[in-house]
């Protein structure tokens, strides 16, 4: 295949991928069917641009309603030390990957424990892209109101709080408190439906391990990204934990792709 002259850089490729939500969008962005039917750039693209298309195009084309998750953990399965220190389990390339996932999402979800312990911003800073709506799940109203995701004004924030635990007094501009009348309102399927009604169909569940495990156990996740760092913690805050099958042959064995992110290994799991 003859390609137009001129190298497509990784930055340009990423900008094009941000606008892809359908095969027609992919065509308009300059992607064509290559050998074996895989989509690749129909331009003279840098190796880094080809890697971006290979890694993220399946997510771009996943559809408007799609729930996915990301966890970074040690090789022995912990996302933080026993003191809660998670700064940082994985390296800089994985953090760039996480920001790209945020840029491809309408909303990013964290549980109360992660919000309180990490004070995350949940914004897109390491790459081009719009900030997703930030969603905090706080059934018992234990998340401090002074966190950055409530006060920095960078992106709209939905604070899901159990009935009777709503914050007292005014909340910062850009933060909407959503009172959840009962525990069922925090069930993953119910939450995804609630977000979809607000036009937030592409949902990234970012943490922590308890929240991602709940969404995985209830069969809500369509794709799971797990980045494993070559570090041994021995003890700490666990990553994935859910009630599995009693015999090995019945264990969940999803389709998997693997990518190297510096010293870390990214596993992309396609879930049934």
Protein backbone atom coordinates (compact mmCIF):
# COMPACT_ATOMS: atom_id res chain seq x y z
CA UNK A 1 0.00 0.00 0.00
CA UNK A 2 1.37 3.41 -0.96
CA UNK A 3 1.18 5.83 1.92
CA UNK A 4 1.15 9.62 1.73
CA UNK A 5 4.52 11.16 2.56
CA UNK A 6 4.85 12.81 5.97
CA UNK A 7 5.18 11.21 9.38
CA UNK A 8 2.17 11.12 11.67
CA UNK A 9 3.50 11.81 15.17
CA UNK A 10 2.19 10.19 18.36
CA UNK A 11 0.68 13.52 19.48
CA UNK A 12 -1.16 13.96 16.17
CA UNK A 13 -2.31 10.33 16.22
CA UNK A 14 -3.72 10.74 19.72
CA UNK A 15 -5.63 13.89 18.72
CA UNK A 16 -7.18 11.93 15.84
CA UNK A 17 -8.08 8.98 18.06
CA UNK A 18 -9.93 11.26 20.49
CA UNK A 19 -12.51 11.90 17.76
CA UNK A 20 -13.05 8.24 16.83
CA UNK A 21 -16.30 6.65 18.01
CA UNK A 22 -17.26 4.69 14.89
CA UNK A 23 -15.73 3.07 11.83
CA UNK A 24 -16.75 6.14 9.82
CA UNK A 25 -14.84 8.31 12.31
CA UNK A 26 -11.84 5.98 11.99
CA UNK A 27 -11.89 6.37 8.21
CA UNK A 28 -12.12 10.13 8.52
CA UNK A 29 -9.16 10.09 10.92
CA UNK A 30 -7.01 8.33 8.33
CA UNK A 31 -7.28 4.70 9.47
CA UNK A 32 -7.60 1.97 6.85
CA UNK A 33 -7.83 -1.81 6.77
CA UNK A 34 -4.41 -3.39 6.56
CA UNK A 35 -3.32 -6.95 6.02
CA UNK A 36 -5.43 -9.31 8.10
CA UNK A 37 -8.23 -6.76 8.36
CA UNK A 38 -6.75 -4.76 11.24
CA UNK A 39 -7.14 -0.99 11.16
CA UNK A 40 -3.93 0.97 10.85
CA UNK A 41 -2.93 4.42 9.75
CA UNK A 42 -3.19 5.03 6.03
CA UNK A 43 -0.53 7.69 6.50
CA UNK A 44 3.20 7.53 7.00
CA UNK A 45 2.98 7.03 10.75
CA UNK A 46 5.66 6.89 13.40
CA UNK A 47 6.02 3.62 15.34
CA UNK A 48 4.58 5.41 18.40
CA UNK A 49 1.50 6.42 16.42
CA UNK A 50 0.98 2.82 15.31
CA UNK A 51 1.24 1.66 18.94
CA UNK A 52 -1.44 4.14 20.01
CA UNK A 53 -3.84 2.92 17.33
CA UNK A 54 -3.24 -0.70 18.26
CA UNK A 55 -3.69 -0.09 21.98
CA UNK A 56 -6.60 2.35 22.09
CA UNK A 57 -8.61 1.96 18.89
CA UNK A 58 -10.63 -1.00 20.30
CA UNK A 59 -11.70 1.23 23.19
CA UNK A 60 -12.49 4.14 20.87
CA UNK A 61 -14.79 1.84 18.86
CA UNK A 62 -16.37 0.16 21.91
CA UNK A 63 -19.60 2.13 21.67
CA UNK A 64 -21.35 4.89 23.59
CA UNK A 65 -22.31 2.70 26.56
CA UNK A 66 -19.25 0.93 27.85
CA UNK A 67 -17.87 0.40 31.35
CA UNK A 68 -14.19 -0.32 31.86
CA UNK A 69 -11.70 -0.22 34.72
CA UNK A 70 -8.01 0.26 35.44
CA UNK A 71 -5.82 -0.88 38.34
CA UNK A 72 -2.08 -0.58 38.89
CA UNK A 73 -0.57 -3.10 41.30
CA UNK A 74 2.57 -4.84 42.49
CA UNK A 75 3.46 -8.25 41.13
CA UNK A 76 2.11 -9.79 44.35
CA UNK A 77 -1.26 -8.10 43.96
CA UNK A 78 -1.23 -4.94 46.11
CA UNK A 79 -2.20 -1.42 45.04
CA UNK A 80 -0.59 0.29 48.05
CA UNK A 81 1.59 -0.51 51.05
CA UNK A 82 0.05 -1.48 54.40
CA UNK A 83 0.24 2.21 55.41
CA UNK A 84 -1.79 3.15 52.33
CA UNK A 85 1.12 4.67 50.39
CA UNK A 86 0.44 4.26 46.66
CA UNK A 87 2.79 6.98 45.35
CA UNK A 88 3.50 5.33 42.93
CA UNK A 89 3.02 1.61 42.43
CA UNK A 90 3.52 1.80 38.67
CA UNK A 91 5.70 4.04 36.53
CA UNK A 92 5.22 7.17 34.45
CA UNK A 93 4.14 5.32 31.29
CA UNK A 94 1.27 3.70 33.17
CA UNK A 95 0.17 7.09 34.51
CA UNK A 96 0.13 8.41 30.94
CA UNK A 97 -1.97 5.37 29.98
CA UNK A 98 -4.40 6.14 32.82
CA UNK A 99 -4.80 9.74 31.66
CA UNK A 100 -5.53 8.50 28.16
CA UNK A 101 -8.25 6.26 29.54
CA UNK A 102 -9.75 9.25 31.35
CA UNK A 103 -9.69 11.23 28.11
CA UNK A 104 -11.71 8.47 26.40
CA UNK A 105 -14.33 8.34 29.19
CA UNK A 106 -17.41 10.43 29.88
CA UNK A 107 -17.13 9.79 33.62
CA UNK A 108 -14.50 8.45 36.03
CA UNK A 109 -15.62 6.69 39.22
CA UNK A 110 -13.80 6.28 42.54
CA UNK A 111 -14.89 4.93 45.89
CA UNK A 112 -14.81 6.82 49.17
CA UNK A 113 -11.67 5.07 50.42
CA UNK A 114 -9.61 6.00 47.36
CA UNK A 115 -10.90 9.57 47.35
CA UNK A 116 -10.07 10.10 51.03
CA UNK A 117 -6.70 8.33 50.98
CA UNK A 118 -5.28 9.62 47.68
CA UNK A 119 -6.98 13.02 47.20
CA UNK A 120 -6.93 12.41 43.41
CA UNK A 121 -7.77 15.06 40.82
CA UNK A 122 -9.12 12.58 38.23
CA UNK A 123 -8.39 15.02 35.41
CA UNK A 124 -6.58 14.69 32.07
CA UNK A 125 -3.17 16.35 32.38
CA UNK A 126 -0.56 14.04 30.82
CA UNK A 127 -2.12 14.04 27.33
CA UNK A 128 -4.60 15.94 25.19
CA UNK A 129 -8.28 15.40 25.93
CA UNK A 130 -11.27 16.69 27.88
CA UNK A 131 -11.73 16.02 31.59
CA UNK A 132 -14.38 13.42 32.38
CA UNK A 133 -17.12 14.06 34.91
CA UNK A 134 -15.79 12.97 38.31
CA UNK A 135 -17.97 10.59 40.31
CA UNK A 136 -17.38 9.86 44.02
CA UNK A 137 -19.24 6.97 45.69
CA UNK A 138 -19.68 7.82 49.37
CA UNK A 139 -22.45 5.76 51.03
CA UNK A 140 -21.57 6.84 54.58
CA UNK A 141 -20.61 10.44 53.88
CA UNK A 142 -17.01 10.00 55.02
CA UNK A 143 -15.19 11.83 52.21
CA UNK A 144 -13.73 15.18 53.39
CA UNK A 145 -15.24 18.18 51.64
CA UNK A 146 -11.86 19.85 51.20
CA UNK A 147 -10.52 17.35 48.63
CA UNK A 148 -9.14 18.75 45.38
CA UNK A 149 -11.79 17.07 43.23
CA UNK A 150 -14.38 19.09 45.19
CA UNK A 151 -12.50 22.38 45.30
CA UNK A 152 -10.28 22.76 42.22
CA UNK A 153 -13.14 23.56 39.82
CA UNK A 154 -11.41 21.64 37.02
CA UNK A 155 -14.35 19.41 36.06
CA UNK A 156 -17.96 18.75 37.07
CA UNK A 157 -18.17 16.40 40.04
CA UNK A 158 -21.04 14.14 41.17
CA UNK A 159 -20.90 13.24 44.86
CA UNK A 160 -23.12 10.21 45.47
CA UNK A 161 -23.94 10.15 49.19
CA UNK A 162 -26.15 7.81 51.21
CA UNK A 163 -29.41 9.32 52.51
CA UNK A 164 -28.87 10.93 55.88
CA UNK A 165 -25.16 11.51 55.23
CA UNK A 166 -25.42 14.54 52.95
CA UNK A 167 -22.86 17.30 53.64
CA UNK A 168 -24.01 20.16 55.79
CA UNK A 169 -23.81 23.65 54.41
CA UNK A 170 -23.02 24.76 50.85
CA UNK A 171 -20.87 22.65 48.55
CA UNK A 172 -18.38 24.16 46.10
CA UNK A 173 -19.48 25.33 42.67
CA UNK A 174 -19.34 22.50 40.14
CA UNK A 175 -20.12 19.81 42.70
CA UNK A 176 -23.55 18.18 42.70
CA UNK A 177 -24.58 16.09 45.70
CA UNK A 178 -26.71 13.11 44.63
CA UNK A 179 -28.61 11.66 47.58
CA UNK A 180 -28.98 7.87 47.26
CA UNK A 181 -32.05 6.66 49.20
CA UNK A 182 -30.88 3.09 49.89
CA UNK A 183 -27.92 0.74 49.52
CA UNK A 184 -29.29 -0.67 46.25
CA UNK A 185 -28.66 2.73 44.70
CA UNK A 186 -24.93 2.08 45.01
CA UNK A 187 -25.12 -1.28 43.23
CA UNK A 188 -22.91 -1.13 40.12
CA UNK A 189 -25.69 -1.82 37.58
CA UNK A 190 -27.93 0.81 39.16
CA UNK A 191 -25.12 3.35 39.20
CA UNK A 192 -24.29 2.74 35.54
CA UNK A 193 -27.95 3.25 34.60
CA UNK A 194 -28.08 6.45 36.66
CA UNK A 195 -25.01 7.81 34.91
CA UNK A 196 -26.34 6.80 31.49
CA UNK A 197 -29.49 8.84 32.13
CA UNK A 198 -27.21 11.84 32.57
CA UNK A 199 -25.57 11.16 29.20
CA UNK A 200 -22.50 9.54 30.77
CA UNK A 201 -22.31 6.23 28.96
CA UNK A 202 -18.57 5.59 28.76
CA UNK A 203 -17.54 5.01 32.37
CA UNK A 204 -14.04 4.41 33.72
CA UNK A 205 -13.93 2.79 37.17
CA UNK A 206 -10.55 3.89 38.50
CA UNK A 207 -10.42 2.73 42.08
CA UNK A 208 -9.80 1.47 44.46
CA UNK A 209 -9.52 -2.28 44.61
CA UNK A 210 -12.81 -2.73 46.48
CA UNK A 211 -14.79 -0.64 44.00
CA UNK A 212 -13.24 -2.22 40.89
CA UNK A 213 -13.78 -5.68 42.41
CA UNK A 214 -17.47 -4.94 43.02
CA UNK A 215 -18.00 -3.87 39.43
CA UNK A 216 -16.09 -6.93 38.18
CA UNK A 217 -17.97 -9.36 40.45
CA UNK A 218 -21.37 -8.06 39.30
CA UNK A 219 -20.45 -8.51 35.64
CA UNK A 220 -20.69 -4.82 34.79
CA UNK A 221 -17.20 -4.37 33.37
CA UNK A 222 -16.66 -4.96 29.66
CA UNK A 223 -12.92 -4.43 29.79
CA UNK A 224 -10.35 -4.43 32.59
CA UNK A 225 -6.85 -2.97 32.38
CA UNK A 226 -4.40 -4.23 35.02
CA UNK A 227 -0.87 -2.86 35.06
CA UNK A 228 1.62 -4.97 37.01
CA UNK A 229 4.82 -3.42 38.32
CA UNK A 230 7.89 -5.58 39.01
CA UNK A 231 7.88 -4.78 42.72
CA UNK A 232 7.10 -6.99 45.73
CA UNK A 233 5.30 -5.39 48.68
CA UNK A 234 4.65 -8.52 50.73
CA UNK A 235 1.63 -6.91 52.40
CA UNK A 236 -0.62 -3.97 51.77
CA UNK A 237 -3.91 -2.84 50.26
CA UNK A 238 -5.12 -5.63 47.95
CA UNK A 239 -6.15 -5.11 44.35
CA UNK A 240 -8.79 -7.42 42.91
CA UNK A 241 -10.70 -9.53 45.42
CA UNK A 242 -14.03 -11.20 44.63
CA UNK A 243 -15.81 -14.50 45.16
CA UNK A 244 -14.32 -16.74 42.50
CA UNK A 245 -15.03 -20.26 41.32
CA UNK A 246 -14.22 -23.24 43.57
CA UNK A 247 -12.37 -25.18 40.85
CA UNK A 248 -9.64 -23.93 38.53
CA UNK A 249 -11.28 -25.08 35.29
CA UNK A 250 -14.25 -22.77 35.95
CA UNK A 251 -12.13 -19.69 36.63
CA UNK A 252 -12.68 -16.59 34.51
CA UNK A 253 -10.23 -16.70 31.60
CA UNK A 254 -10.86 -13.61 29.48
CA UNK A 255 -9.26 -12.79 26.17
CA UNK A 256 -6.07 -10.89 26.92
CA UNK A 257 -3.63 -8.58 25.19
CA UNK A 258 -0.29 -7.54 26.73
CA UNK A 259 1.70 -4.34 26.35
CA UNK A 260 4.96 -3.16 27.88
CA UNK A 261 4.81 0.21 29.64
CA UNK A 262 8.42 0.84 30.55
CA UNK A 263 9.25 -1.70 33.26
CA UNK A 264 5.55 -2.45 33.83
CA UNK A 265 3.28 -4.87 31.97
CA UNK A 266 -0.24 -3.87 30.99
CA UNK A 267 -2.86 -6.61 30.68
CA UNK A 268 -5.99 -5.72 28.72
CA UNK A 269 -8.75 -8.19 29.62
CA UNK A 270 -11.85 -8.47 27.43
CA UNK A 271 -14.68 -9.56 29.72
CA UNK A 272 -17.81 -11.50 28.74
